[in-house]
PDB file of N, CA and C in Angstrom:
ATOM      1  N   MET A   1      -8.372  12.899 -12.491  1.00  0.00           N
ATOM      2  CA  MET A   1      -8.500  13.589 -12.916  1.00  0.00           C
ATOM      3  C   MET A   1      -9.967  14.134 -12.308  1.00  0.00           C
ATOM      4  N   ALA A   2     -10.317  15.147 -11.017  1.00  0.00           N
ATOM      5  CA  ALA A   2     -10.568  15.157 -10.696  1.00  0.00           C
ATOM      6  C   ALA A   2     -11.832  16.760 -10.747  1.00  0.00           C
ATOM      7  N   MET A   3     -12.813  16.842 -11.259  1.00  0.00           N
ATOM      8  CA  MET A   3     -13.209  18.268 -12.039  1.00  0.00           C
ATOM      9  C   MET A   3     -14.912  18.718 -10.541  1.00  0.00           C
ATOM     10  N   ARG A   4     -14.961  19.649 -10.272  1.00  0.00           N
ATOM     11  CA  ARG A   4     -16.060  20.015  -9.549  1.00  0.00           C
ATOM     12  C   ARG A   4     -17.300  19.546 -10.284  1.00  0.00           C
ATOM     13  N   THR A   5     -18.241  19.375  -9.184  1.00  0.00           N
ATOM     14  CA  THR A   5     -19.749  19.818  -9.846  1.00  0.00           C
ATOM     15  C   THR A   5     -20.290  20.262  -9.278  1.00  0.00           C
ATOM     16  N   PRO A   6     -21.373  20.727  -9.543  1.00  0.00           N
ATOM     17  CA  PRO A   6     -22.236  22.438  -8.705  1.00  0.00           C
ATOM     18  C   PRO A   6     -22.773  21.812  -7.357  1.00  0.00           C
ATOM     19  N   ARG A   7     -22.411  20.433  -7.081  1.00  0.00           N
ATOM     20  CA  ARG A   7     -22.849  19.493  -5.841  1.00  0.00           C
ATOM     21  C   ARG A   7     -21.638  19.845  -5.039  1.00  0.00           C
ATOM     22  N   PHE A   8     -20.421  20.128  -5.501  1.00  0.00           N
ATOM     23  CA  PHE A   8     -19.107  20.600  -4.662  1.00  0.00           C
ATOM     24  C   PHE A   8     -19.814  21.751  -3.095  1.00  0.00           C
ATOM     25  N   ASP A   9     -18.733  20.900  -2.111  1.00  0.00           N
ATOM     26  CA  ASP A   9     -19.198  22.404  -1.081  1.00  0.00           C
ATOM     27  C   ASP A   9     -17.735  21.258  -0.172  1.00  0.00           C
ATOM     28  N   ASP A  10     -17.255  22.634  -0.011  1.00  0.00           N
ATOM     29  CA  ASP A  10     -16.094  22.903   0.619  1.00  0.00           C
ATOM     30  C   ASP A  10     -15.869  21.937   2.210  1.00  0.00           C
ATOM     31  N   SER A  11     -16.513  21.834   2.415  1.00  0.00           N
ATOM     32  CA  SER A  11     -16.868  20.285   3.576  1.00  0.00           C
ATOM     33  C   SER A  11     -16.277  19.251   3.448  1.00  0.00           C
ATOM     34  N   VAL A  12     -16.077  18.971   1.579  1.00  0.00           N
ATOM     35  CA  VAL A  12     -15.638  17.733   1.255  1.00  0.00           C
ATOM     36  C   VAL A  12     -14.322  18.204   1.628  1.00  0.00           C
ATOM     37  N   ILE A  13     -13.774  19.212   1.703  1.00  0.00           N
ATOM     38  CA  ILE A  13     -11.728  18.983   1.534  1.00  0.00           C
ATOM     39  C   ILE A  13     -11.391  18.577   2.860  1.00  0.00           C
ATOM     40  N   VAL A  14     -11.491  18.650   3.573  1.00  0.00           N
ATOM     41  CA  VAL A  14     -11.090  17.991   4.893  1.00  0.00           C
ATOM     42  C   VAL A  14     -10.798  16.204   4.639  1.00  0.00           C
ATOM     43  N   PRO A  15     -12.071  16.055   4.662  1.00  0.00           N
ATOM     44  CA  PRO A  15     -12.232  14.001   4.819  1.00  0.00           C
ATOM     45  C   PRO A  15     -10.814  13.491   3.142  1.00  0.00           C
ATOM     46  N   HIS A  16     -11.269  14.623   2.221  1.00  0.00           N
ATOM     47  CA  HIS A  16     -10.295  14.029   1.012  1.00  0.00           C
ATOM     48  C   HIS A  16      -9.080  14.355   1.249  1.00  0.00           C
ATOM     49  N   ARG A  17      -8.834  14.925   2.445  1.00  0.00           N
ATOM     50  CA  ARG A  17      -7.286  15.545   2.281  1.00  0.00           C
ATOM     51  C   ARG A  17      -6.785  14.215   3.587  1.00  0.00           C
ATOM     52  N   ASP A  18      -7.486  13.969   3.810  1.00  0.00           N
ATOM     53  CA  ASP A  18      -7.390  12.702   4.756  1.00  0.00           C
ATOM     54  C   ASP A  18      -7.434  11.777   4.342  1.00  0.00           C
ATOM     55  N   TRP A  19      -8.177  11.768   3.127  1.00  0.00           N
ATOM     56  CA  TRP A  19      -8.151  10.404   2.701  1.00  0.00           C
ATOM     57  C   TRP A  19      -7.177  10.277   1.452  1.00  0.00           C
ATOM     58  N   LEU A  20      -6.414  11.300   1.430  1.00  0.00           N
ATOM     59  CA  LEU A  20      -5.464  11.305  -0.098  1.00  0.00           C
ATOM     60  C   LEU A  20      -3.996  11.383   0.831  1.00  0.00           C
ATOM     61  N   ALA A  21      -4.110  11.274   2.850  1.00  0.00           N
ATOM     62  CA  ALA A  21      -3.171  11.160   3.985  1.00  0.00           C
ATOM     63  C   ALA A  21      -2.916   9.248   3.531  1.00  0.00           C
ATOM     64  N   GLY A  22      -4.127   9.149   3.518  1.00  0.00           N
ATOM     65  CA  GLY A  22      -4.328   7.616   3.584  1.00  0.00           C
ATOM     66  C   GLY A  22      -3.421   6.690   2.513  1.00  0.00           C
ATOM     67  N   VAL A  23      -3.969   7.136   1.556  1.00  0.00           N
ATOM     68  CA  VAL A  23      -3.389   6.747   0.289  1.00  0.00           C
ATOM     69  C   VAL A  23      -1.895   7.143  -0.098  1.00  0.00           C
ATOM     70  N   ARG A  24      -1.344   8.452   0.552  1.00  0.00           N
ATOM     71  CA  ARG A  24       0.141   7.970   0.732  1.00  0.00           C
ATOM     72  C   ARG A  24       0.695   7.547   1.846  1.00  0.00           C
ATOM     73  N   GLU A  25       0.638   6.867   3.109  1.00  0.00           N
ATOM     74  CA  GLU A  25       0.708   6.174   3.703  1.00  0.00           C
ATOM     75  C   GLU A  25       0.748   4.686   3.408  1.00  0.00           C
ATOM     76  N   ARG A  26      -0.031   4.230   2.582  1.00  0.00           N
ATOM     77  CA  ARG A  26      -0.108   3.043   1.958  1.00  0.00           C
ATOM     78  C   ARG A  26       1.247   2.898   0.538  1.00  0.00           C
ATOM     79  N   GLY A  27       1.550   4.167   0.339  1.00  0.00           N
ATOM     80  CA  GLY A  27       2.750   4.238  -0.787  1.00  0.00           C
ATOM     81  C   GLY A  27       1.968   4.253  -1.983  1.00  0.00           C
ATOM     82  N   GLN A  28       0.904   4.997  -2.409  1.00  0.00           N
ATOM     83  CA  GLN A  28       0.412   4.429  -3.644  1.00  0.00           C
ATOM     84  C   GLN A  28      -0.099   5.774  -3.745  1.00  0.00           C
ATOM     85  N   LEU A  29       0.326   6.714  -3.134  1.00  0.00           N
ATOM     86  CA  LEU A  29      -0.025   8.038  -3.425  1.00  0.00           C
ATOM     87  C   LEU A  29       1.003   8.805  -4.302  1.00  0.00           C
ATOM     88  N   VAL A  30       1.406   9.586  -5.341  1.00  0.00           N
ATOM     89  CA  VAL A  30       2.535   9.830  -5.840  1.00  0.00           C
ATOM     90  C   VAL A  30       2.918  11.231  -5.780  1.00  0.00           C
ATOM     91  N   GLU A  31       1.431  11.985  -6.018  1.00  0.00           N
ATOM     92  CA  GLU A  31       1.361  13.092  -6.531  1.00  0.00           C
ATOM     93  C   GLU A  31      -0.066  13.393  -6.800  1.00  0.00           C
ATOM     94  N   SER A  32      -0.210  15.041  -6.141  1.00  0.00           N
ATOM     95  CA  SER A  32      -1.121  15.319  -6.011  1.00  0.00           C
ATOM     96  C   SER A  32      -1.345  17.156  -5.861  1.00  0.00           C
ATOM     97  N   GLY A  33      -2.784  17.898  -6.220  1.00  0.00           N
ATOM     98  CA  GLY A  33      -2.925  19.086  -6.585  1.00  0.00           C
ATOM     99  C   GLY A  33      -4.059  19.872  -7.161  1.00  0.00           C
ATOM    100  N   LYS A  34      -4.400  21.025  -6.780  1.00  0.00           N
ATOM    101  CA  LYS A  34      -5.486  21.310  -7.241  1.00  0.00           C
ATOM    102  C   LYS A  34      -4.804  22.229  -8.445  1.00  0.00           C
ATOM    103  N   PHE A  35      -6.489  22.517  -8.880  1.00  0.00           N
ATOM    104  CA  PHE A  35      -6.364  23.144 -10.561  1.00  0.00           C
ATOM    105  C   PHE A  35      -6.097  24.779 -10.039  1.00  0.00           C
ATOM    106  N   THR A  36      -5.453  25.349 -10.893  1.00  0.00           N
ATOM    107  CA  THR A  36      -5.487  27.077 -10.243  1.00  0.00           C
ATOM    108  C   THR A  36      -6.609  27.657 -10.295  1.00  0.00           C
ATOM    109  N   ASP A  37      -7.385  26.606 -11.098  1.00  0.00           N
ATOM    110  CA  ASP A  37      -8.116  28.154 -11.735  1.00  0.00           C
ATOM    111  C   ASP A  37      -9.687  27.449 -10.659  1.00  0.00           C
ATOM    112  N   GLY A  38      -9.664  26.488  -9.475  1.00  0.00           N
ATOM    113  CA  GLY A  38     -10.617  26.243  -8.626  1.00  0.00           C
ATOM    114  C   GLY A  38     -11.176  25.436  -9.506  1.00  0.00           C
ATOM    115  N   SER A  39     -11.031  24.863 -10.432  1.00  0.00           N
ATOM    116  CA  SER A  39     -12.481  23.787 -11.776  1.00  0.00           C
ATOM    117  C   SER A  39     -11.819  22.248 -10.699  1.00  0.00           C
ATOM    118  N   GLY A  40     -11.029  21.887  -9.844  1.00  0.00           N
ATOM    119  CA  GLY A  40     -10.445  20.646  -9.590  1.00  0.00           C
ATOM    120  C   GLY A  40      -9.342  20.456  -9.384  1.00  0.00           C
ATOM    121  N   GLY A  41      -8.894  19.185  -9.824  1.00  0.00           N
ATOM    122  CA  GLY A  41      -7.872  18.829  -9.373  1.00  0.00           C
ATOM    123  C   GLY A  41      -6.986  17.888  -9.847  1.00  0.00           C
ATOM    124  N   ALA A  42      -6.131  17.188  -9.695  1.00  0.00           N
ATOM    125  CA  ALA A  42      -5.788  16.080 -10.147  1.00  0.00           C
ATOM    126  C   ALA A  42      -4.800  15.296  -8.892  1.00  0.00           C
ATOM    127  N   TYR A  43      -4.683  13.924  -8.929  1.00  0.00           N
ATOM    128  CA  TYR A  43      -3.727  12.779  -8.570  1.00  0.00           C
ATOM    129  C   TYR A  43      -3.145  11.976  -9.126  1.00  0.00           C
ATOM    130  N   VAL A  44      -1.820  11.143  -8.895  1.00  0.00           N
ATOM    131  CA  VAL A  44      -1.237  10.488  -9.622  1.00  0.00           C
ATOM    132  C   VAL A  44      -1.394   9.367  -8.553  1.00  0.00           C
ATOM    133  N   ILE A  45      -1.874   7.715  -8.866  1.00  0.00           N
ATOM    134  CA  ILE A  45      -1.801   6.824  -7.992  1.00  0.00           C
ATOM    135  C   ILE A  45      -1.286   5.377  -8.684  1.00  0.00           C
ATOM    136  N   THR A  46      -0.738   4.496  -7.859  1.00  0.00           N
ATOM    137  CA  THR A  46      -0.052   3.582  -8.270  1.00  0.00           C
ATOM    138  C   THR A  46      -1.067   2.845  -7.927  1.00  0.00           C
ATOM    139  N   ALA A  47      -1.286   1.606  -8.774  1.00  0.00           N
ATOM    140  CA  ALA A  47      -2.161  -0.122  -8.484  1.00  0.00           C
ATOM    141  C   ALA A  47      -1.649  -0.657  -9.420  1.00  0.00           C
ATOM    142  N   GLU A  48      -2.606  -2.444  -9.192  1.00  0.00           N
ATOM    143  CA  GLU A  48      -1.995  -3.292 -10.231  1.00  0.00           C
ATOM    144  C   GLU A  48      -2.519  -3.040 -11.607  1.00  0.00           C
ATOM    145  N   ASN A  49      -3.713  -2.270 -11.568  1.00  0.00           N
ATOM    146  CA  ASN A  49      -3.939  -2.537 -12.821  1.00  0.00           C
ATOM    147  C   ASN A  49      -5.221  -1.402 -12.972  1.00  0.00           C
ATOM    148  N   LEU A  50      -5.833  -0.912 -14.169  1.00  0.00           N
ATOM    149  CA  LEU A  50      -6.637  -0.412 -14.074  1.00  0.00           C
ATOM    150  C   LEU A  50      -7.759  -0.137 -12.991  1.00  0.00           C
ATOM    151  N   ALA A  51      -8.928  -1.527 -13.266  1.00  0.00           N
ATOM    152  CA  ALA A  51      -9.832  -1.648 -12.524  1.00  0.00           C
ATOM    153  C   ALA A  51      -9.578  -1.364 -10.777  1.00  0.00           C
ATOM    154  N   ALA A  52      -8.035  -1.513 -11.105  1.00  0.00           N
ATOM    155  CA  ALA A  52      -7.998  -1.494  -9.007  1.00  0.00           C
ATOM    156  C   ALA A  52      -7.676   0.246  -8.815  1.00  0.00           C
ATOM    157  N   ALA A  53      -7.484   0.803 -10.018  1.00  0.00           N
ATOM    158  CA  ALA A  53      -6.957   2.089  -9.483  1.00  0.00           C
ATOM    159  C   ALA A  53      -8.358   3.438  -9.519  1.00  0.00           C
ATOM    160  N   GLN A  54      -9.631   2.327 -10.337  1.00  0.00           N
ATOM    161  CA  GLN A  54     -10.551   2.987 -10.556  1.00  0.00           C
ATOM    162  C   GLN A  54     -11.359   2.924  -8.975  1.00  0.00           C
ATOM    163  N   ASP A  55     -11.422   1.252  -8.676  1.00  0.00           N
ATOM    164  CA  ASP A  55     -11.966   0.810  -7.165  1.00  0.00           C
ATOM    165  C   ASP A  55     -11.571   1.717  -6.176  1.00  0.00           C
ATOM    166  N   LEU A  56      -9.937   2.245  -6.430  1.00  0.00           N
ATOM    167  CA  LEU A  56      -9.109   3.186  -5.177  1.00  0.00           C
ATOM    168  C   LEU A  56     -10.061   4.365  -4.775  1.00  0.00           C
ATOM    169  N   VAL A  57     -10.260   4.740  -6.536  1.00  0.00           N
ATOM    170  CA  VAL A  57     -10.758   6.411  -6.384  1.00  0.00           C
ATOM    171  C   VAL A  57     -11.634   6.290  -6.374  1.00  0.00           C
ATOM    172  N   HIS A  58     -12.713   5.595  -6.329  1.00  0.00           N
ATOM    173  CA  HIS A  58     -13.926   5.784  -6.262  1.00  0.00           C
ATOM    174  C   HIS A  58     -14.343   5.238  -4.824  1.00  0.00           C
ATOM    175  N   THR A  59     -13.699   5.709  -3.696  1.00  0.00           N
ATOM    176  CA  THR A  59     -13.400   5.377  -2.444  1.00  0.00           C
ATOM    177  C   THR A  59     -13.191   6.886  -1.751  1.00  0.00           C
ATOM    178  N   ASP A  60     -12.504   7.583  -2.724  1.00  0.00           N
ATOM    179  CA  ASP A  60     -12.148   8.658  -2.222  1.00  0.00           C
ATOM    180  C   ASP A  60     -13.657   9.588  -1.855  1.00  0.00           C
ATOM    181  N   PRO A  61     -13.697  10.472  -0.765  1.00  0.00           N
ATOM    182  CA  PRO A  61     -14.813  11.585   0.037  1.00  0.00           C
ATOM    183  C   PRO A  61     -15.249  12.896  -1.697  1.00  0.00           C
ATOM    184  N   ILE A  62     -14.779  13.060  -2.406  1.00  0.00           N
ATOM    185  CA  ILE A  62     -15.096  13.518  -3.101  1.00  0.00           C
ATOM    186  C   ILE A  62     -15.612  12.921  -4.389  1.00  0.00           C
ATOM    187  N   HIS A  63     -15.725  11.461  -4.385  1.00  0.00           N
ATOM    188  CA  HIS A  63     -16.416  11.405  -5.398  1.00  0.00           C
ATOM    189  C   HIS A  63     -17.955  10.766  -4.354  1.00  0.00           C
ATOM    190  N   THR A  64     -17.774  10.291  -3.345  1.00  0.00           N
ATOM    191  CA  THR A  64     -18.825   9.368  -2.767  1.00  0.00           C
ATOM    192  C   THR A  64     -19.623  10.613  -2.254  1.00  0.00           C
ATOM    193  N   THR A  65     -19.593  11.293  -2.310  1.00  0.00           N
ATOM    194  CA  THR A  65     -20.287  12.856  -2.129  1.00  0.00           C
ATOM    195  C   THR A  65     -20.513  13.364  -3.399  1.00  0.00           C
ATOM    196  N   GLY A  66     -20.486  13.305  -4.318  1.00  0.00           N
ATOM    197  CA  GLY A  66     -20.815  14.091  -5.321  1.00  0.00           C
ATOM    198  C   GLY A  66     -20.075  15.010  -5.915  1.00  0.00           C
ATOM    199  N   ALA A  67     -19.382  15.955  -4.696  1.00  0.00           N
ATOM    200  CA  ALA A  67     -18.502  16.811  -5.202  1.00  0.00           C
ATOM    201  C   ALA A  67     -18.006  17.305  -6.647  1.00  0.00           C
ATOM    202  N   SER A  68     -17.385  15.634  -6.740  1.00  0.00           N
ATOM    203  CA  SER A  68     -16.362  15.730  -8.185  1.00  0.00           C
ATOM    204  C   SER A  68     -16.728  14.442  -9.050  1.00  0.00           C
ATOM    205  N   GLU A  69     -16.538  14.857 -10.112  1.00  0.00           N
ATOM    206  CA  GLU A  69     -16.725  13.658 -11.019  1.00  0.00           C
ATOM    207  C   GLU A  69     -15.157  13.532 -11.524  1.00  0.00           C
ATOM    208  N   LEU A  70     -14.603  11.844 -11.130  1.00  0.00           N
ATOM    209  CA  LEU A  70     -13.641  11.156 -11.765  1.00  0.00           C
ATOM    210  C   LEU A  70     -13.278  10.616 -12.740  1.00  0.00           C
ATOM    211  N   THR A  71     -11.868  10.985 -13.164  1.00  0.00           N
ATOM    212  CA  THR A  71     -12.167  10.119 -14.464  1.00  0.00           C
ATOM    213  C   THR A  71     -10.345   9.730 -14.291  1.00  0.00           C
ATOM    214  N   VAL A  72     -10.564   7.984 -14.545  1.00  0.00           N
ATOM    215  CA  VAL A  72      -8.928   7.758 -13.982  1.00  0.00           C
ATOM    216  C   VAL A  72      -8.646   7.674 -15.731  1.00  0.00           C
ATOM    217  N   HIS A  73      -6.688   7.912 -15.744  1.00  0.00           N
ATOM    218  CA  HIS A  73      -6.295   7.319 -16.988  1.00  0.00           C
ATOM    219  C   HIS A  73      -5.614   6.900 -17.043  1.00  0.00           C
ATOM    220  N   GLU A  74      -4.601   5.576 -17.403  1.00  0.00           N
ATOM    221  CA  GLU A  74      -4.077   4.728 -17.304  1.00  0.00           C
ATOM    222  C   GLU A  74      -2.877   5.146 -17.676  1.00  0.00           C
ATOM    223  N   TRP A  75      -1.388   5.433 -17.215  1.00  0.00           N
ATOM    224  CA  TRP A  75      -0.529   5.885 -17.385  1.00  0.00           C
ATOM    225  C   TRP A  75       0.638   5.179 -17.489  1.00  0.00           C
ATOM    226  N   GLU A  76       1.564   4.992 -18.588  1.00  0.00           N
ATOM    227  CA  GLU A  76       2.413   3.971 -18.972  1.00  0.00           C
ATOM    228  C   GLU A  76       3.855   4.962 -18.710  1.00  0.00           C
ATOM    229  N   ILE A  77       4.524   4.902 -17.901  1.00  0.00           N
ATOM    230  CA  ILE A  77       5.473   5.219 -17.307  1.00  0.00           C
ATOM    231  C   ILE A  77       6.538   5.148 -18.363  1.00  0.00           C
ATOM    232  N   THR A  78       7.084   5.949 -19.053  1.00  0.00           N
ATOM    233  CA  THR A  78       8.375   4.994 -20.253  1.00  0.00           C
ATOM    234  C   THR A  78      10.043   5.923 -19.724  1.00  0.00           C
ATOM    235  N   GLY A  79       9.785   6.346 -18.597  1.00  0.00           N
ATOM    236  CA  GLY A  79      11.595   6.700 -18.393  1.00  0.00           C
ATOM    237  C   GLY A  79      11.527   7.506 -16.981  1.00  0.00           C
TER     238      GLY A  79
END
């Protein structure tokens, strides 16, 4: 989950979308989208484990620029 910080700037949107496209091309992006209230967004990725997921999302430009705070939740798919 990505929540915008006061440092958010629209200039990070294109690099973020390019980053998502790369994750999708590697087969790790399941779904992504923004929150309708403009506060941020979320995406679902696949990774070997929680640490690998955290390492991956911490390369997202919205994180590296400080534009958003990212929270990673491990999710066990049951069906």
